C-alpha cells in the first residue's frame, strides 16, 4: 500500500467525521444512528477504494509477469525458427550445388 493511499483514506475518514459533526451538532439532529451509519458508510467506502487499489496493483504485477514470459517465449521461438530456416537453406544450397555439378558433367 502506498503512502498516497493511506493519505486519501485518512482524508476520507476525516471528512466523514466532519460530516457527522455537522449532522449532529449544527442541525440539532442528535440521532446517534445517523452518526454511526454515516461513519460506517464512509469507512466502508474507504476500505472499498483501498481494496480496489490493491487488487489493481496485483493485476498489474500479474500482467507484467505474463508479458515478460511471453517475451521470453517469443524469443525462444524466434531462435528455433531461425535455426530451422538456416538448416533448410543450407540443405537447399547443397542440393542446388549438387544439381549444378551434375548439370555441367
Protein backbone atom coordinates (compact mmCIF):
# COMPACT_ATOMS: atom_id res chain seq x y z
CA UNK A 1 0.00 0.00 0.00
CA UNK A 2 1.37 3.37 -0.98
CA UNK A 3 1.56 6.46 1.19
CA UNK A 4 -0.88 8.30 -1.05
CA UNK A 5 -3.50 5.57 -0.50
CA UNK A 6 -3.15 5.97 3.26
CA UNK A 7 -3.43 9.76 2.99
CA UNK A 8 -6.53 9.52 0.81
CA UNK A 9 -8.11 7.06 3.25
CA UNK A 10 -7.41 9.36 6.18
CA UNK A 11 -8.88 12.33 4.33
CA UNK A 12 -11.97 10.28 3.54
CA UNK A 13 -12.41 9.24 7.17
CA UNK A 14 -11.80 12.78 8.47
CA UNK A 15 -14.35 14.17 6.03
CA UNK A 16 -16.79 11.58 7.36
CA UNK A 17 -16.21 12.78 10.90
CA UNK A 18 -16.77 16.38 9.81
CA UNK A 19 -20.00 15.34 8.10
CA UNK A 20 -21.20 13.56 11.23
CA UNK A 21 -20.26 16.55 13.39
CA UNK A 22 -22.27 18.85 11.11
CA UNK A 23 -25.24 16.48 11.14
CA UNK A 24 -25.26 16.00 14.89
CA UNK A 25 -24.32 19.39 16.29
CA UNK A 26 -25.12 22.05 13.71
CA UNK A 27 -28.51 20.81 12.62
CA UNK A 28 -29.53 19.60 16.08
CA UNK A 29 -30.46 16.18 14.83
CA UNK A 30 -28.78 14.34 17.65
CA UNK A 31 -29.68 10.91 16.29
CA UNK A 32 -26.77 8.55 17.05
CA UNK A 33 -27.96 6.05 14.42
CA UNK A 34 -27.41 8.65 11.69
CA UNK A 35 -23.95 9.45 13.03
CA UNK A 36 -22.95 5.79 13.32
CA UNK A 37 -24.31 4.85 9.92
CA UNK A 38 -22.53 7.79 8.29
CA UNK A 39 -19.23 6.80 9.89
CA UNK A 40 -19.80 3.19 8.82
CA UNK A 41 -20.62 4.15 5.23
CA UNK A 42 -17.55 6.37 4.91
CA UNK A 43 -15.32 3.69 6.45
CA UNK A 44 -16.67 1.08 4.05
CA UNK A 45 -16.15 3.38 1.06
CA UNK A 46 -12.55 3.95 2.16
CA UNK A 47 -11.99 0.19 2.59
CA UNK A 48 -13.56 -0.50 -0.80
CA UNK A 49 -11.36 2.05 -2.56
CA UNK A 50 -8.22 0.72 -0.89
CA UNK A 51 -9.22 -2.84 -1.76
CA UNK A 52 -9.76 -1.90 -5.39
CA UNK A 53 -6.40 -0.17 -5.49
CA UNK A 54 -4.65 -3.22 -4.07
CA UNK A 55 -6.43 -5.56 -6.49
CA UNK A 56 -5.45 -3.37 -9.45
CA UNK A 57 -1.83 -3.40 -8.28
CA UNK A 58 -1.85 -7.21 -8.11
CA UNK A 59 -3.44 -7.38 -11.56
CA UNK A 60 -0.77 -5.05 -12.96
CA UNK A 61 2.02 -7.18 -11.47
CA UNK A 62 0.50 -10.37 -12.90
CA UNK A 63 0.13 -8.73 -16.30
CA UNK A 64 3.77 -7.65 -16.29
CA UNK A 65 4.87 -11.19 -15.40
CA UNK A 66 2.82 -12.65 -18.25
CA UNK A 67 4.23 -10.07 -20.64
CA UNK A 68 7.77 -10.97 -19.56
CA UNK A 69 7.17 -14.71 -20.01
CA UNK A 70 5.56 -14.10 -23.41
CA UNK A 71 8.58 -12.09 -24.49
CA UNK A 72 10.92 -14.91 -23.44
CA UNK A 73 8.77 -17.48 -25.25
CA UNK A 74 8.71 -15.39 -28.42
CA UNK A 75 12.47 -15.04 -28.28
CA UNK A 76 12.99 -18.80 -27.96
CA UNK A 77 10.53 -19.50 -30.80
CA UNK A 78 12.35 -16.94 -32.94
CA UNK A 79 15.66 -18.69 -32.32
CA UNK A 80 14.17 -22.11 -33.16
CA UNK A 81 12.66 -20.82 -36.39
CA UNK A 82 15.93 -19.10 -37.32
CA UNK A 83 17.85 -22.38 -36.74
CA UNK A 84 15.35 -24.43 -38.78
CA UNK A 85 15.30 -21.94 -41.65
CA UNK A 86 19.11 -21.79 -41.59
CA UNK A 87 19.30 -25.58 -41.76
CA UNK A 88 16.78 -25.72 -44.59
CA UNK A 89 18.64 -23.01 -46.51
CA UNK A 90 21.92 -24.88 -46.04
CA UNK A 91 20.37 -28.11 -47.30
CA UNK A 92 18.78 -26.30 -50.24
CA UNK A 93 22.13 -24.76 -51.15
CA UNK A 94 23.75 -28.21 -51.03
CA UNK A 95 21.07 -29.61 -53.32
CA UNK A 96 21.48 -26.69 -55.73
CA UNK A 97 25.23 -27.15 -55.85
CA UNK A 98 24.79 -30.86 -56.45
CA UNK A 99 22.38 -30.17 -59.32
CA UNK A 100 24.79 -27.64 -60.83
CA UNK A 101 27.66 -30.15 -60.65
CA UNK A 102 25.56 -32.81 -62.31
CA UNK A 103 24.35 -30.43 -64.98
CA UNK A 104 27.86 -29.43 -66.03
CA UNK A 105 29.09 -33.03 -66.41
